[in-house]
């Protein structure tokens, strides 16, 4: 059966990679994004890869956008199989210097954007008796490095929501996957908010050094959805650190503190 997929933030980065991965399977892929030019381009790429592309303007800060897309896709395709809540932004800063405006901005998109996606599509999935949510969090929500409190909190919130929905919705035939990548090449820094000088450039360097690509993460997501897996942890080193945190938290705390001191010194924060 041809799969039907909806992806928020699907016009670039990981969202685009996921869209093209499903397109190669001949899927119908709807990408929702606020960038119409990039969205139209990815729609063509989906068609060229063998799928059926469909771009819609979508701002995850508006529940009505997601509800309209849900009704549109139900009428157009007769339902939906996978919803990927991928749209996200980044911010960095110390707790005393981060503004409340930036906190509200990132939580509205990263946490409530995922909440809205799950809230809008759960009734459809329940009527169908099946469906899959893919919620894109981050290793930041598990590792919790300094100078990234608002981003860490937002991604930890996505993890908590995903774990909750995995239990809450399983009996309705609705599966949930939670994606927690570390650094990989994407365009996240282009909208990053921070008063820390040079942090975008330093994060960009870490992304470029990564051997994991957006296509690798998309492949892991595709496989996890197919196999009904909850955790999607594409980075081996960070996955090992997370396991260490669970089984030997004192050792994780020591290692994380040493790494944090190096990171804060590099950023000019020596507290």
Protein backbone atom coordinates (compact mmCIF):
# COMPACT_ATOMS: atom_id res chain seq x y z
CA UNK A 1 0.00 0.00 0.00
CA UNK A 2 1.28 3.48 -0.87
CA UNK A 3 2.24 5.33 2.28
CA UNK A 4 0.89 8.80 3.02
CA UNK A 5 3.23 11.08 4.96
CA UNK A 6 3.05 14.61 6.33
CA UNK A 7 6.21 16.43 7.46
CA UNK A 8 6.41 19.80 9.20
CA UNK A 9 9.50 21.82 8.37
CA UNK A 10 9.80 19.64 5.28
CA UNK A 11 11.30 22.22 2.93
CA UNK A 12 14.89 21.91 4.10
CA UNK A 13 17.37 20.01 6.26
CA UNK A 14 16.20 16.83 7.93
CA UNK A 15 12.58 17.37 6.85
CA UNK A 16 13.64 17.40 3.20
CA UNK A 17 15.80 14.30 3.68
CA UNK A 18 12.87 12.42 5.24
CA UNK A 19 10.58 13.52 2.41
CA UNK A 20 12.98 12.26 -0.26
CA UNK A 21 13.54 8.97 1.60
CA UNK A 22 9.82 8.25 1.56
CA UNK A 23 9.58 9.48 -2.04
CA UNK A 24 11.99 6.75 -3.12
CA UNK A 25 9.44 4.24 -1.82
CA UNK A 26 6.76 5.83 -4.01
CA UNK A 27 5.02 7.49 -1.06
CA UNK A 28 2.66 10.42 -1.15
CA UNK A 29 4.49 13.10 0.80
CA UNK A 30 3.02 16.38 1.98
CA UNK A 31 5.54 18.91 3.24
CA UNK A 32 4.37 21.77 5.43
CA UNK A 33 6.63 24.77 5.79
CA UNK A 34 6.64 28.56 6.06
CA UNK A 35 9.10 28.87 3.14
CA UNK A 36 7.00 28.61 -0.01
CA UNK A 37 9.91 28.82 -2.46
CA UNK A 38 11.84 25.97 -0.88
CA UNK A 39 8.64 24.01 -0.38
CA UNK A 40 7.76 24.19 -4.08
CA UNK A 41 11.28 23.06 -4.93
CA UNK A 42 11.12 20.03 -2.63
CA UNK A 43 7.70 19.14 -4.03
CA UNK A 44 9.35 18.82 -7.46
CA UNK A 45 12.19 16.77 -5.97
CA UNK A 46 9.71 14.36 -4.40
CA UNK A 47 8.03 13.85 -7.77
CA UNK A 48 11.41 13.32 -9.44
CA UNK A 49 12.29 10.63 -6.86
CA UNK A 50 9.17 8.63 -7.68
CA UNK A 51 6.80 9.91 -5.03
CA UNK A 52 3.83 12.24 -5.11
CA UNK A 53 4.80 15.61 -3.68
CA UNK A 54 2.44 18.18 -2.22
CA UNK A 55 3.51 21.42 -0.54
CA UNK A 56 1.29 23.34 1.87
CA UNK A 57 2.03 26.48 3.81
CA UNK A 58 2.16 25.60 7.48
CA UNK A 59 3.10 27.51 10.61
CA UNK A 60 3.21 25.10 13.55
CA UNK A 61 2.43 28.02 15.87
CA UNK A 62 -1.16 27.88 14.56
CA UNK A 63 -3.31 24.86 15.37
CA UNK A 64 -5.74 25.91 12.64
CA UNK A 65 -3.02 25.43 9.99
CA UNK A 66 -2.52 21.83 11.07
CA UNK A 67 -6.23 21.10 11.34
CA UNK A 68 -6.83 22.44 7.82
CA UNK A 69 -4.00 20.29 6.48
CA UNK A 70 -5.43 17.24 8.24
CA UNK A 71 -8.85 17.76 6.64
CA UNK A 72 -7.26 18.49 3.26
CA UNK A 73 -5.16 15.31 3.30
CA UNK A 74 -8.07 13.18 4.46
CA UNK A 75 -10.13 14.47 1.52
CA UNK A 76 -7.22 14.22 -0.94
CA UNK A 77 -5.65 10.91 0.07
CA UNK A 78 -8.33 9.26 2.20
CA UNK A 79 -6.20 9.48 5.33
CA UNK A 80 -2.61 9.52 6.50
CA UNK A 81 -0.09 6.99 7.77
CA UNK A 82 2.81 8.99 9.20
CA UNK A 83 3.05 12.47 10.72
CA UNK A 84 6.58 13.78 11.24
CA UNK A 85 6.70 16.69 13.68
CA UNK A 86 10.06 18.01 12.54
CA UNK A 87 9.84 21.82 12.47
CA UNK A 88 12.19 23.38 15.01
CA UNK A 89 14.47 26.28 15.90
CA UNK A 90 17.47 26.79 18.18
CA UNK A 91 18.61 29.29 20.79
CA UNK A 92 21.52 29.55 23.19
CA UNK A 93 22.53 31.65 26.16
CA UNK A 94 23.05 31.74 29.89
CA UNK A 95 20.04 31.62 32.16
CA UNK A 96 20.53 35.24 33.22
CA UNK A 97 21.05 36.61 29.71
CA UNK A 98 18.47 34.63 27.75
CA UNK A 99 15.37 36.75 27.23
CA UNK A 100 11.89 35.59 28.06
CA UNK A 101 10.93 36.48 24.49
CA UNK A 102 13.42 33.91 23.19
CA UNK A 103 12.19 31.32 25.72
CA UNK A 104 8.60 31.81 24.60
CA UNK A 105 9.61 31.72 20.92
CA UNK A 106 11.46 28.42 21.12
CA UNK A 107 8.91 26.70 23.36
CA UNK A 108 6.05 27.80 21.08
CA UNK A 109 7.71 26.20 18.06
CA UNK A 110 9.70 23.27 19.43
CA UNK A 111 7.30 22.02 22.10
CA UNK A 112 3.87 23.39 21.34
CA UNK A 113 4.44 22.91 17.60
CA UNK A 114 4.79 19.17 18.26
CA UNK A 115 1.85 19.23 20.66
CA UNK A 116 -0.30 20.88 17.99
CA UNK A 117 0.78 18.34 15.38
CA UNK A 118 -0.13 15.42 17.64
CA UNK A 119 -3.38 17.07 18.80
CA UNK A 120 -4.53 17.81 15.24
CA UNK A 121 -3.86 14.36 13.77
CA UNK A 122 -4.72 12.05 16.68
CA UNK A 123 -8.48 12.10 15.91
CA UNK A 124 -7.77 11.03 12.32
CA UNK A 125 -5.44 8.25 13.45
CA UNK A 126 -8.03 7.04 15.95
CA UNK A 127 -10.73 6.91 13.27
CA UNK A 128 -8.38 4.95 11.04
CA UNK A 129 -7.26 2.62 13.84
CA UNK A 130 -3.65 3.19 12.87
CA UNK A 131 -0.97 5.82 12.34
CA UNK A 132 2.53 6.81 13.39
CA UNK A 133 3.87 9.97 14.97
CA UNK A 134 7.55 10.78 14.52
CA UNK A 135 8.57 13.54 16.92
CA UNK A 136 11.98 15.06 16.28
CA UNK A 137 13.69 15.92 19.57
CA UNK A 138 17.47 15.98 20.05
CA UNK A 139 20.28 14.52 22.14
CA UNK A 140 20.18 17.96 23.76
CA UNK A 141 17.04 16.80 25.54
CA UNK A 142 18.93 13.85 27.04
CA UNK A 143 22.45 15.27 27.56
CA UNK A 144 21.56 18.81 28.73
CA UNK A 145 24.73 20.79 27.99
CA UNK A 146 25.30 24.30 29.47
CA UNK A 147 24.45 27.54 27.66
CA UNK A 148 21.57 25.81 25.88
CA UNK A 149 18.91 25.76 28.59
CA UNK A 150 15.96 26.90 26.47
CA UNK A 151 16.83 24.50 23.64
CA UNK A 152 17.45 21.64 26.08
CA UNK A 153 14.14 22.22 27.83
CA UNK A 154 12.25 22.36 24.55
CA UNK A 155 13.70 19.06 23.35
CA UNK A 156 13.27 17.38 26.73
CA UNK A 157 9.63 18.41 26.47
CA UNK A 158 9.30 16.66 23.12
CA UNK A 159 10.81 13.52 24.64
CA UNK A 160 8.39 13.63 27.59
CA UNK A 161 5.43 14.17 25.26
CA UNK A 162 6.52 11.31 23.03
CA UNK A 163 6.94 8.87 25.92
CA UNK A 164 3.50 9.87 27.22
CA UNK A 165 1.78 9.43 23.86
CA UNK A 166 3.51 6.11 23.27
CA UNK A 167 1.58 4.79 26.27
CA UNK A 168 -1.59 6.81 25.77
CA UNK A 169 -2.18 6.01 22.10
CA UNK A 170 -0.75 2.52 21.67
CA UNK A 171 -4.09 0.88 22.36
CA UNK A 172 -5.58 2.74 19.40
CA UNK A 173 -3.02 1.33 16.97
CA UNK A 174 -1.05 4.59 16.99
CA UNK A 175 2.73 4.24 17.29
CA UNK A 176 5.15 6.94 18.38
CA UNK A 177 8.85 7.34 17.58
CA UNK A 178 11.15 9.89 19.23
CA UNK A 179 14.20 11.05 17.26
CA UNK A 180 17.24 12.27 19.21
CA UNK A 181 20.15 13.10 16.90
CA UNK A 182 23.29 14.98 17.95
CA UNK A 183 25.15 17.30 15.57
CA UNK A 184 24.77 16.73 11.84
CA UNK A 185 24.82 19.07 8.85
CA UNK A 186 21.61 21.08 8.65
CA UNK A 187 20.50 24.72 8.48
CA UNK A 188 19.45 25.03 12.12
CA UNK A 189 21.93 27.83 12.87
CA UNK A 190 20.40 30.08 10.19
CA UNK A 191 17.55 31.01 12.55
CA UNK A 192 19.42 30.46 15.82
CA UNK A 193 18.96 33.16 18.47
CA UNK A 194 21.85 33.91 20.84
CA UNK A 195 23.78 36.77 22.39
CA UNK A 196 26.92 34.62 22.72
CA UNK A 197 29.47 35.83 20.20
CA UNK A 198 30.52 33.19 17.68
CA UNK A 199 28.27 30.40 18.89
CA UNK A 200 26.58 29.96 15.51
CA UNK A 201 29.99 29.52 13.88
CA UNK A 202 31.14 27.02 16.53
CA UNK A 203 27.96 24.98 16.27
CA UNK A 204 28.32 25.10 12.48
CA UNK A 205 31.82 23.64 12.76
CA UNK A 206 30.56 20.80 14.94
CA UNK A 207 27.85 20.05 12.37
CA UNK A 208 30.37 19.98 9.52
CA UNK A 209 32.66 17.60 11.42
CA UNK A 210 29.90 15.08 11.96
CA UNK A 211 30.09 11.87 9.94
CA UNK A 212 26.30 11.49 10.29
CA UNK A 213 24.25 13.14 7.54
CA UNK A 214 20.63 14.20 7.33
CA UNK A 215 20.15 11.28 4.95
CA UNK A 216 21.51 8.88 7.60
CA UNK A 217 19.06 10.21 10.17
CA UNK A 218 16.21 9.97 7.65
CA UNK A 219 17.13 6.34 6.97
CA UNK A 220 17.07 5.56 10.69
CA UNK A 221 13.65 7.21 10.97
CA UNK A 222 12.29 5.27 8.00
CA UNK A 223 13.50 2.00 9.51
CA UNK A 224 12.21 2.81 13.00
CA UNK A 225 8.72 3.62 11.74
CA UNK A 226 8.65 0.43 9.69
CA UNK A 227 9.70 -1.66 12.69
CA UNK A 228 7.58 0.19 15.23
CA UNK A 229 10.56 1.37 17.32
CA UNK A 230 10.28 4.23 19.80
CA UNK A 231 13.86 5.49 20.15
CA UNK A 232 15.78 6.75 17.13
CA UNK A 233 19.36 7.49 18.25
CA UNK A 234 21.53 7.90 15.15
CA UNK A 235 24.83 8.92 16.80
CA UNK A 236 26.79 6.02 18.32
CA UNK A 237 29.01 8.02 20.72
CA UNK A 238 26.13 10.04 22.14
CA UNK A 239 23.97 6.92 22.43
CA UNK A 240 26.70 5.34 24.56
CA UNK A 241 26.83 8.46 26.74
CA UNK A 242 23.05 8.28 27.23
CA UNK A 243 23.34 4.62 28.28
CA UNK A 244 26.13 5.61 30.69
CA UNK A 245 23.88 8.32 32.14
CA UNK A 246 21.15 5.76 32.81
CA UNK A 247 23.41 3.12 34.39
CA UNK A 248 26.24 5.15 35.95
CA UNK A 249 24.96 8.71 36.40
CA UNK A 250 27.95 9.72 38.55
CA UNK A 251 30.37 8.82 35.73
CA UNK A 252 28.25 10.63 33.17
CA UNK A 253 28.11 13.72 35.39
CA UNK A 254 31.91 13.81 35.70
CA UNK A 255 32.52 13.39 31.97
CA UNK A 256 29.82 15.90 31.09
CA UNK A 257 31.24 18.44 33.51
CA UNK A 258 34.72 18.16 31.99
CA UNK A 259 33.29 18.62 28.50
CA UNK A 260 31.09 21.47 29.69
CA UNK A 261 34.06 23.36 31.16
CA UNK A 262 35.90 23.12 27.85
CA UNK A 263 32.81 24.27 25.95
CA UNK A 264 32.12 27.21 28.27
CA UNK A 265 35.75 28.32 28.18
CA UNK A 266 35.64 28.25 24.40
CA UNK A 267 32.50 30.37 24.46
CA UNK A 268 34.01 32.83 26.92
CA UNK A 269 31.85 31.74 29.87
CA UNK A 270 34.16 30.49 32.61
CA UNK A 271 31.70 30.23 35.50
